[in-house]
Amino acid sequence: MSEGLVPEDESPPGDPRRVRVAGRTMLITSWKRVLDVLQRVASESDRSAIEQDIAQLRGLTDWMARRGQ
């Protein structure tokens, strides 16, 4: 890491993670978590077209993860 970007403290492993960098706090989360929340909201709002879009994004992120990207 570049000077000034070394994490000062970190939260325990998990999702999401909190890391302080150069005096600022960053919250890092996974695509899985983001898509889970979006899918839940779309389902609760009866937005089937949006749910299909989210399913496509989930397929893409799963494919990329399998490829090691």
PDB file of N, CA and C in Angstrom:
ATOM      1  N   MET A   1       0.827  -1.188   0.000  1.00  0.00           N
ATOM      2  CA  MET A   1       0.000   0.000   0.000  1.00  0.00           C
ATOM      3  C   MET A   1       0.869   1.248   0.000  1.00  0.00           C
ATOM      4  N   SER A   2       0.371   2.304  -0.547  1.00  0.00           N
ATOM      5  CA  SER A   2       1.095   3.566  -0.572  1.00  0.00           C
ATOM      6  C   SER A   2       1.131   4.179   0.817  1.00  0.00           C
ATOM      7  N   GLU A   3       2.127   4.987   1.042  1.00  0.00           N
ATOM      8  CA  GLU A   3       2.222   5.684   2.322  1.00  0.00           C
ATOM      9  C   GLU A   3       0.957   6.509   2.545  1.00  0.00           C
ATOM     10  N   GLY A   4       0.428   6.477   3.762  1.00  0.00           N
ATOM     11  CA  GLY A   4      -0.796   7.192   4.081  1.00  0.00           C
ATOM     12  C   GLY A   4      -2.047   6.374   3.833  1.00  0.00           C
ATOM     13  N   LEU A   5      -1.903   5.214   3.205  1.00  0.00           N
ATOM     14  CA  LEU A   5      -3.054   4.361   2.945  1.00  0.00           C
ATOM     15  C   LEU A   5      -2.979   3.043   3.700  1.00  0.00           C
ATOM     16  N   VAL A   6      -2.117   2.985   4.686  1.00  0.00           N
ATOM     17  CA  VAL A   6      -2.010   1.783   5.505  1.00  0.00           C
ATOM     18  C   VAL A   6      -3.160   1.773   6.506  1.00  0.00           C
ATOM     19  N   PRO A   7      -3.918   0.669   6.575  1.00  0.00           N
ATOM     20  CA  PRO A   7      -5.034   0.622   7.539  1.00  0.00           C
ATOM     21  C   PRO A   7      -4.540   0.854   8.962  1.00  0.00           C
ATOM     22  N   GLU A   8      -5.227   1.727   9.679  1.00  0.00           N
ATOM     23  CA  GLU A   8      -4.866   2.031  11.065  1.00  0.00           C
ATOM     24  C   GLU A   8      -5.464   1.008  12.018  1.00  0.00           C
ATOM     25  N   ASP A   9      -6.666   0.579  11.744  1.00  0.00           N
ATOM     26  CA  ASP A   9      -7.312  -0.460  12.530  1.00  0.00           C
ATOM     27  C   ASP A   9      -8.343  -1.129  11.640  1.00  0.00           C
ATOM     28  N   GLU A  10      -8.666  -2.356  11.960  1.00  0.00           N
ATOM     29  CA  GLU A  10      -9.605  -3.093  11.129  1.00  0.00           C
ATOM     30  C   GLU A  10     -10.637  -3.772  12.010  1.00  0.00           C
ATOM     31  N   SER A  11     -11.807  -3.964  11.466  1.00  0.00           N
ATOM     32  CA  SER A  11     -12.836  -4.717  12.157  1.00  0.00           C
ATOM     33  C   SER A  11     -12.535  -6.206  11.983  1.00  0.00           C
ATOM     34  N   PRO A  12     -13.175  -7.051  12.768  1.00  0.00           N
ATOM     35  CA  PRO A  12     -12.977  -8.487  12.605  1.00  0.00           C
ATOM     36  C   PRO A  12     -13.412  -8.919  11.203  1.00  0.00           C
ATOM     37  N   PRO A  13     -12.856 -10.022  10.703  1.00  0.00           N
ATOM     38  CA  PRO A  13     -13.252 -10.499   9.377  1.00  0.00           C
ATOM     39  C   PRO A  13     -14.767 -10.670   9.276  1.00  0.00           C
ATOM     40  N   GLY A  14     -15.301 -10.402   8.132  1.00  0.00           N
ATOM     41  CA  GLY A  14     -16.735 -10.535   7.917  1.00  0.00           C
ATOM     42  C   GLY A  14     -17.193  -9.563   6.856  1.00  0.00           C
ATOM     43  N   ASP A  15     -18.468  -9.424   6.756  1.00  0.00           N
ATOM     44  CA  ASP A  15     -19.047  -8.581   5.719  1.00  0.00           C
ATOM     45  C   ASP A  15     -20.184  -7.793   6.336  1.00  0.00           C
ATOM     46  N   PRO A  16     -20.145  -6.505   6.394  1.00  0.00           N
ATOM     47  CA  PRO A  16     -19.123  -5.614   5.863  1.00  0.00           C
ATOM     48  C   PRO A  16     -17.925  -5.475   6.800  1.00  0.00           C
ATOM     49  N   ARG A  17     -16.855  -4.905   6.266  1.00  0.00           N
ATOM     50  CA  ARG A  17     -15.646  -4.638   7.053  1.00  0.00           C
ATOM     51  C   ARG A  17     -15.445  -3.137   7.146  1.00  0.00           C
ATOM     52  N   ARG A  18     -14.938  -2.717   8.275  1.00  0.00           N
ATOM     53  CA  ARG A  18     -14.628  -1.301   8.495  1.00  0.00           C
ATOM     54  C   ARG A  18     -13.119  -1.175   8.626  1.00  0.00           C
ATOM     55  N   VAL A  19     -12.541  -0.237   7.878  1.00  0.00           N
ATOM     56  CA  VAL A  19     -11.100  -0.010   7.913  1.00  0.00           C
ATOM     57  C   VAL A  19     -10.854   1.495   7.952  1.00  0.00           C
ATOM     58  N   ARG A  20      -9.982   1.917   8.863  1.00  0.00           N
ATOM     59  CA  ARG A  20      -9.589   3.330   8.900  1.00  0.00           C
ATOM     60  C   ARG A  20      -8.333   3.486   8.062  1.00  0.00           C
ATOM     61  N   VAL A  21      -8.385   4.426   7.117  1.00  0.00           N
ATOM     62  CA  VAL A  21      -7.263   4.682   6.228  1.00  0.00           C
ATOM     63  C   VAL A  21      -7.024   6.180   6.204  1.00  0.00           C
ATOM     64  N   ALA A  22      -5.824   6.557   6.562  1.00  0.00           N
ATOM     65  CA  ALA A  22      -5.426   7.969   6.541  1.00  0.00           C
ATOM     66  C   ALA A  22      -6.442   8.844   7.274  1.00  0.00           C
ATOM     67  N   GLY A  23      -6.924   8.372   8.416  1.00  0.00           N
ATOM     68  CA  GLY A  23      -7.847   9.151   9.234  1.00  0.00           C
ATOM     69  C   GLY A  23      -9.297   9.094   8.796  1.00  0.00           C
ATOM     70  N   ARG A  24      -9.600   8.344   7.768  1.00  0.00           N
ATOM     71  CA  ARG A  24     -10.980   8.203   7.288  1.00  0.00           C
ATOM     72  C   ARG A  24     -11.415   6.757   7.421  1.00  0.00           C
ATOM     73  N   THR A  25     -12.706   6.561   7.602  1.00  0.00           N
ATOM     74  CA  THR A  25     -13.244   5.211   7.733  1.00  0.00           C
ATOM     75  C   THR A  25     -13.880   4.787   6.421  1.00  0.00           C
ATOM     76  N   MET A  26     -13.510   3.586   5.984  1.00  0.00           N
ATOM     77  CA  MET A  26     -14.100   3.000   4.782  1.00  0.00           C
ATOM     78  C   MET A  26     -14.901   1.773   5.193  1.00  0.00           C
ATOM     79  N   LEU A  27     -16.057   1.607   4.604  1.00  0.00           N
ATOM     80  CA  LEU A  27     -16.873   0.423   4.810  1.00  0.00           C
ATOM     81  C   LEU A  27     -16.813  -0.379   3.518  1.00  0.00           C
ATOM     82  N   ILE A  28     -16.358  -1.616   3.618  1.00  0.00           N
ATOM     83  CA  ILE A  28     -16.174  -2.465   2.437  1.00  0.00           C
ATOM     84  C   ILE A  28     -17.135  -3.639   2.553  1.00  0.00           C
ATOM     85  N   THR A  29     -17.855  -3.903   1.475  1.00  0.00           N
ATOM     86  CA  THR A  29     -18.817  -5.001   1.484  1.00  0.00           C
ATOM     87  C   THR A  29     -18.694  -5.795   0.194  1.00  0.00           C
ATOM     88  N   SER A  30     -19.365  -6.915   0.145  1.00  0.00           N
ATOM     89  CA  SER A  30     -19.301  -7.787  -1.026  1.00  0.00           C
ATOM     90  C   SER A  30     -20.455  -7.497  -1.981  1.00  0.00           C
ATOM     91  N   TRP A  31     -20.265  -7.906  -3.240  1.00  0.00           N
ATOM     92  CA  TRP A  31     -21.363  -7.813  -4.206  1.00  0.00           C
ATOM     93  C   TRP A  31     -22.521  -8.680  -3.756  1.00  0.00           C
ATOM     94  N   LYS A  32     -22.225  -9.831  -3.147  1.00  0.00           N
ATOM     95  CA  LYS A  32     -23.290 -10.717  -2.689  1.00  0.00           C
ATOM     96  C   LYS A  32     -24.202  -9.991  -1.716  1.00  0.00           C
ATOM     97  N   ARG A  33     -23.624  -9.291  -0.764  1.00  0.00           N
ATOM     98  CA  ARG A  33     -24.422  -8.560   0.224  1.00  0.00           C
ATOM     99  C   ARG A  33     -25.256  -7.461  -0.444  1.00  0.00           C
ATOM    100  N   VAL A  34     -24.646  -6.716  -1.353  1.00  0.00           N
ATOM    101  CA  VAL A  34     -25.368  -5.647  -2.054  1.00  0.00           C
ATOM    102  C   VAL A  34     -26.547  -6.226  -2.828  1.00  0.00           C
ATOM    103  N   LEU A  35     -26.298  -7.299  -3.584  1.00  0.00           N
ATOM    104  CA  LEU A  35     -27.350  -7.899  -4.398  1.00  0.00           C
ATOM    105  C   LEU A  35     -28.430  -8.541  -3.538  1.00  0.00           C
ATOM    106  N   ASP A  36     -28.055  -9.127  -2.397  1.00  0.00           N
ATOM    107  CA  ASP A  36     -29.059  -9.696  -1.479  1.00  0.00           C
ATOM    108  C   ASP A  36     -30.031  -8.619  -1.001  1.00  0.00           C
ATOM    109  N   VAL A  37     -29.495  -7.477  -0.614  1.00  0.00           N
ATOM    110  CA  VAL A  37     -30.345  -6.376  -0.127  1.00  0.00           C
ATOM    111  C   VAL A  37     -31.229  -5.847  -1.255  1.00  0.00           C
ATOM    112  N   LEU A  38     -30.643  -5.629  -2.423  1.00  0.00           N
ATOM    113  CA  LEU A  38     -31.430  -5.135  -3.556  1.00  0.00           C
ATOM    114  C   LEU A  38     -32.534  -6.110  -3.945  1.00  0.00           C
ATOM    115  N   GLN A  39     -32.209  -7.398  -3.934  1.00  0.00           N
ATOM    116  CA  GLN A  39     -33.213  -8.393  -4.308  1.00  0.00           C
ATOM    117  C   GLN A  39     -34.349  -8.436  -3.283  1.00  0.00           C
ATOM    118  N   ARG A  40     -34.002  -8.328  -2.001  1.00  0.00           N
ATOM    119  CA  ARG A  40     -35.038  -8.326  -0.966  1.00  0.00           C
ATOM    120  C   ARG A  40     -35.976  -7.130  -1.150  1.00  0.00           C
ATOM    121  N   VAL A  41     -35.413  -5.956  -1.386  1.00  0.00           N
ATOM    122  CA  VAL A  41     -36.234  -4.755  -1.567  1.00  0.00           C
ATOM    123  C   VAL A  41     -37.097  -4.878  -2.823  1.00  0.00           C
ATOM    124  N   ALA A  42     -36.523  -5.374  -3.914  1.00  0.00           N
ATOM    125  CA  ALA A  42     -37.293  -5.542  -5.152  1.00  0.00           C
ATOM    126  C   ALA A  42     -38.422  -6.539  -4.948  1.00  0.00           C
ATOM    127  N   SER A  43     -38.155  -7.607  -4.222  1.00  0.00           N
ATOM    128  CA  SER A  43     -39.178  -8.615  -3.966  1.00  0.00           C
ATOM    129  C   SER A  43     -40.303  -8.048  -3.110  1.00  0.00           C
ATOM    130  N   GLU A  44     -39.939  -7.314  -2.068  1.00  0.00           N
ATOM    131  CA  GLU A  44     -40.944  -6.716  -1.188  1.00  0.00           C
ATOM    132  C   GLU A  44     -41.775  -5.660  -1.925  1.00  0.00           C
ATOM    133  N   SER A  45     -41.199  -5.050  -2.963  1.00  0.00           N
ATOM    134  CA  SER A  45     -41.894  -4.010  -3.729  1.00  0.00           C
ATOM    135  C   SER A  45     -42.602  -4.572  -4.958  1.00  0.00           C
ATOM    136  N   ASP A  46     -42.561  -5.902  -5.105  1.00  0.00           N
ATOM    137  CA  ASP A  46     -43.185  -6.585  -6.235  1.00  0.00           C
ATOM    138  C   ASP A  46     -42.672  -6.038  -7.571  1.00  0.00           C
ATOM    139  N   ARG A  47     -41.365  -5.972  -7.690  1.00  0.00           N
ATOM    140  CA  ARG A  47     -40.707  -5.471  -8.911  1.00  0.00           C
ATOM    141  C   ARG A  47     -39.993  -6.629  -9.600  1.00  0.00           C
ATOM    142  N   SER A  48     -40.751  -7.470 -10.285  1.00  0.00           N
ATOM    143  CA  SER A  48     -40.178  -8.684 -10.871  1.00  0.00           C
ATOM    144  C   SER A  48     -39.147  -8.373 -11.958  1.00  0.00           C
ATOM    145  N   ALA A  49     -39.338  -7.304 -12.725  1.00  0.00           N
ATOM    146  CA  ALA A  49     -38.360  -6.961 -13.766  1.00  0.00           C
ATOM    147  C   ALA A  49     -37.012  -6.607 -13.130  1.00  0.00           C
ATOM    148  N   ILE A  50     -37.053  -5.881 -12.025  1.00  0.00           N
ATOM    149  CA  ILE A  50     -35.818  -5.516 -11.330  1.00  0.00           C
ATOM    150  C   ILE A  50     -35.190  -6.764 -10.718  1.00  0.00           C
ATOM    151  N   GLU A  51     -36.009  -7.665 -10.189  1.00  0.00           N
ATOM    152  CA  GLU A  51     -35.472  -8.919  -9.646  1.00  0.00           C
ATOM    153  C   GLU A  51     -34.736  -9.704 -10.724  1.00  0.00           C
ATOM    154  N   GLN A  52     -35.255  -9.694 -11.950  1.00  0.00           N
ATOM    155  CA  GLN A  52     -34.582 -10.395 -13.048  1.00  0.00           C
ATOM    156  C   GLN A  52     -33.241  -9.748 -13.368  1.00  0.00           C
ATOM    157  N   ASP A  53     -33.191  -8.421 -13.333  1.00  0.00           N
ATOM    158  CA  ASP A  53     -31.920  -7.715 -13.555  1.00  0.00           C
ATOM    159  C   ASP A  53     -30.909  -8.077 -12.476  1.00  0.00           C
ATOM    160  N   ILE A  54     -31.376  -8.144 -11.237  1.00  0.00           N
ATOM    161  CA  ILE A  54     -30.497  -8.490 -10.123  1.00  0.00           C
ATOM    162  C   ILE A  54     -29.993  -9.927 -10.282  1.00  0.00           C
ATOM    163  N   ALA A  55     -30.855 -10.826 -10.727  1.00  0.00           N
ATOM    164  CA  ALA A  55     -30.446 -12.215 -10.956  1.00  0.00           C
ATOM    165  C   ALA A  55     -29.344 -12.274 -12.024  1.00  0.00           C
ATOM    166  N   GLN A  56     -29.451 -11.444 -13.062  1.00  0.00           N
ATOM    167  CA  GLN A  56     -28.402 -11.402 -14.083  1.00  0.00           C
ATOM    168  C   GLN A  56     -27.087 -10.895 -13.498  1.00  0.00           C
ATOM    169  N   LEU A  57     -27.163  -9.848 -12.688  1.00  0.00           N
ATOM    170  CA  LEU A  57     -25.952  -9.335 -12.039  1.00  0.00           C
ATOM    171  C   LEU A  57     -25.331 -10.381 -11.115  1.00  0.00           C
ATOM    172  N   ARG A  58     -26.178 -11.118 -10.400  1.00  0.00           N
ATOM    173  CA  ARG A  58     -25.680 -12.172  -9.506  1.00  0.00           C
ATOM    174  C   ARG A  58     -24.963 -13.253 -10.333  1.00  0.00           C
ATOM    175  N   GLY A  59     -25.544 -13.606 -11.470  1.00  0.00           N
ATOM    176  CA  GLY A  59     -24.899 -14.587 -12.345  1.00  0.00           C
ATOM    177  C   GLY A  59     -23.537 -14.100 -12.819  1.00  0.00           C
ATOM    178  N   LEU A  60     -23.448 -12.827 -13.170  1.00  0.00           N
ATOM    179  CA  LEU A  60     -22.181 -12.259 -13.616  1.00  0.00           C
ATOM    180  C   LEU A  60     -21.147 -12.265 -12.492  1.00  0.00           C
ATOM    181  N   THR A  61     -21.541 -11.842 -11.298  1.00  0.00           N
ATOM    182  CA  THR A  61     -20.576 -11.812 -10.188  1.00  0.00           C
ATOM    183  C   THR A  61     -20.153 -13.221  -9.802  1.00  0.00           C
ATOM    184  N   ASP A  62     -21.073 -14.191  -9.857  1.00  0.00           N
ATOM    185  CA  ASP A  62     -20.713 -15.588  -9.576  1.00  0.00           C
ATOM    186  C   ASP A  62     -19.725 -16.105 -10.614  1.00  0.00           C
ATOM    187  N   TRP A  63     -19.966 -15.778 -11.884  1.00  0.00           N
ATOM    188  CA  TRP A  63     -19.087 -16.202 -12.964  1.00  0.00           C
ATOM    189  C   TRP A  63     -17.689 -15.617 -12.779  1.00  0.00           C
ATOM    190  N   MET A  64     -17.639 -14.315 -12.452  1.00  0.00           N
ATOM    191  CA  MET A  64     -16.340 -13.664 -12.237  1.00  0.00           C
ATOM    192  C   MET A  64     -15.610 -14.277 -11.049  1.00  0.00           C
ATOM    193  N   ALA A  65     -16.333 -14.612  -9.996  1.00  0.00           N
ATOM    194  CA  ALA A  65     -15.703 -15.208  -8.817  1.00  0.00           C
ATOM    195  C   ALA A  65     -15.108 -16.577  -9.164  1.00  0.00           C
ATOM    196  N   ARG A  66     -15.823 -17.338  -9.990  1.00  0.00           N
ATOM    197  CA  ARG A  66     -15.316 -18.652 -10.385  1.00  0.00           C
ATOM    198  C   ARG A  66     -14.049 -18.521 -11.247  1.00  0.00           C
ATOM    199  N   ARG A  67     -13.963 -17.457 -11.995  1.00  0.00           N
ATOM    200  CA  ARG A  67     -12.794 -17.221 -12.842  1.00  0.00           C
ATOM    201  C   ARG A  67     -11.627 -16.660 -12.046  1.00  0.00           C
ATOM    202  N   GLY A  68     -11.873 -16.271 -10.799  1.00  0.00           N
ATOM    203  CA  GLY A  68     -10.794 -15.733  -9.964  1.00  0.00           C
ATOM    204  C   GLY A  68     -10.475 -14.282 -10.218  1.00  0.00           C
ATOM    205  N   GLN A  69     -11.442 -13.547 -10.730  1.00  0.00           N
ATOM    206  CA  GLN A  69     -11.229 -12.130 -11.043  1.00  0.00           C
ATOM    207  C   GLN A  69     -11.439 -11.265  -9.835  1.00  0.00           C
TER     208      GLN A  69
END
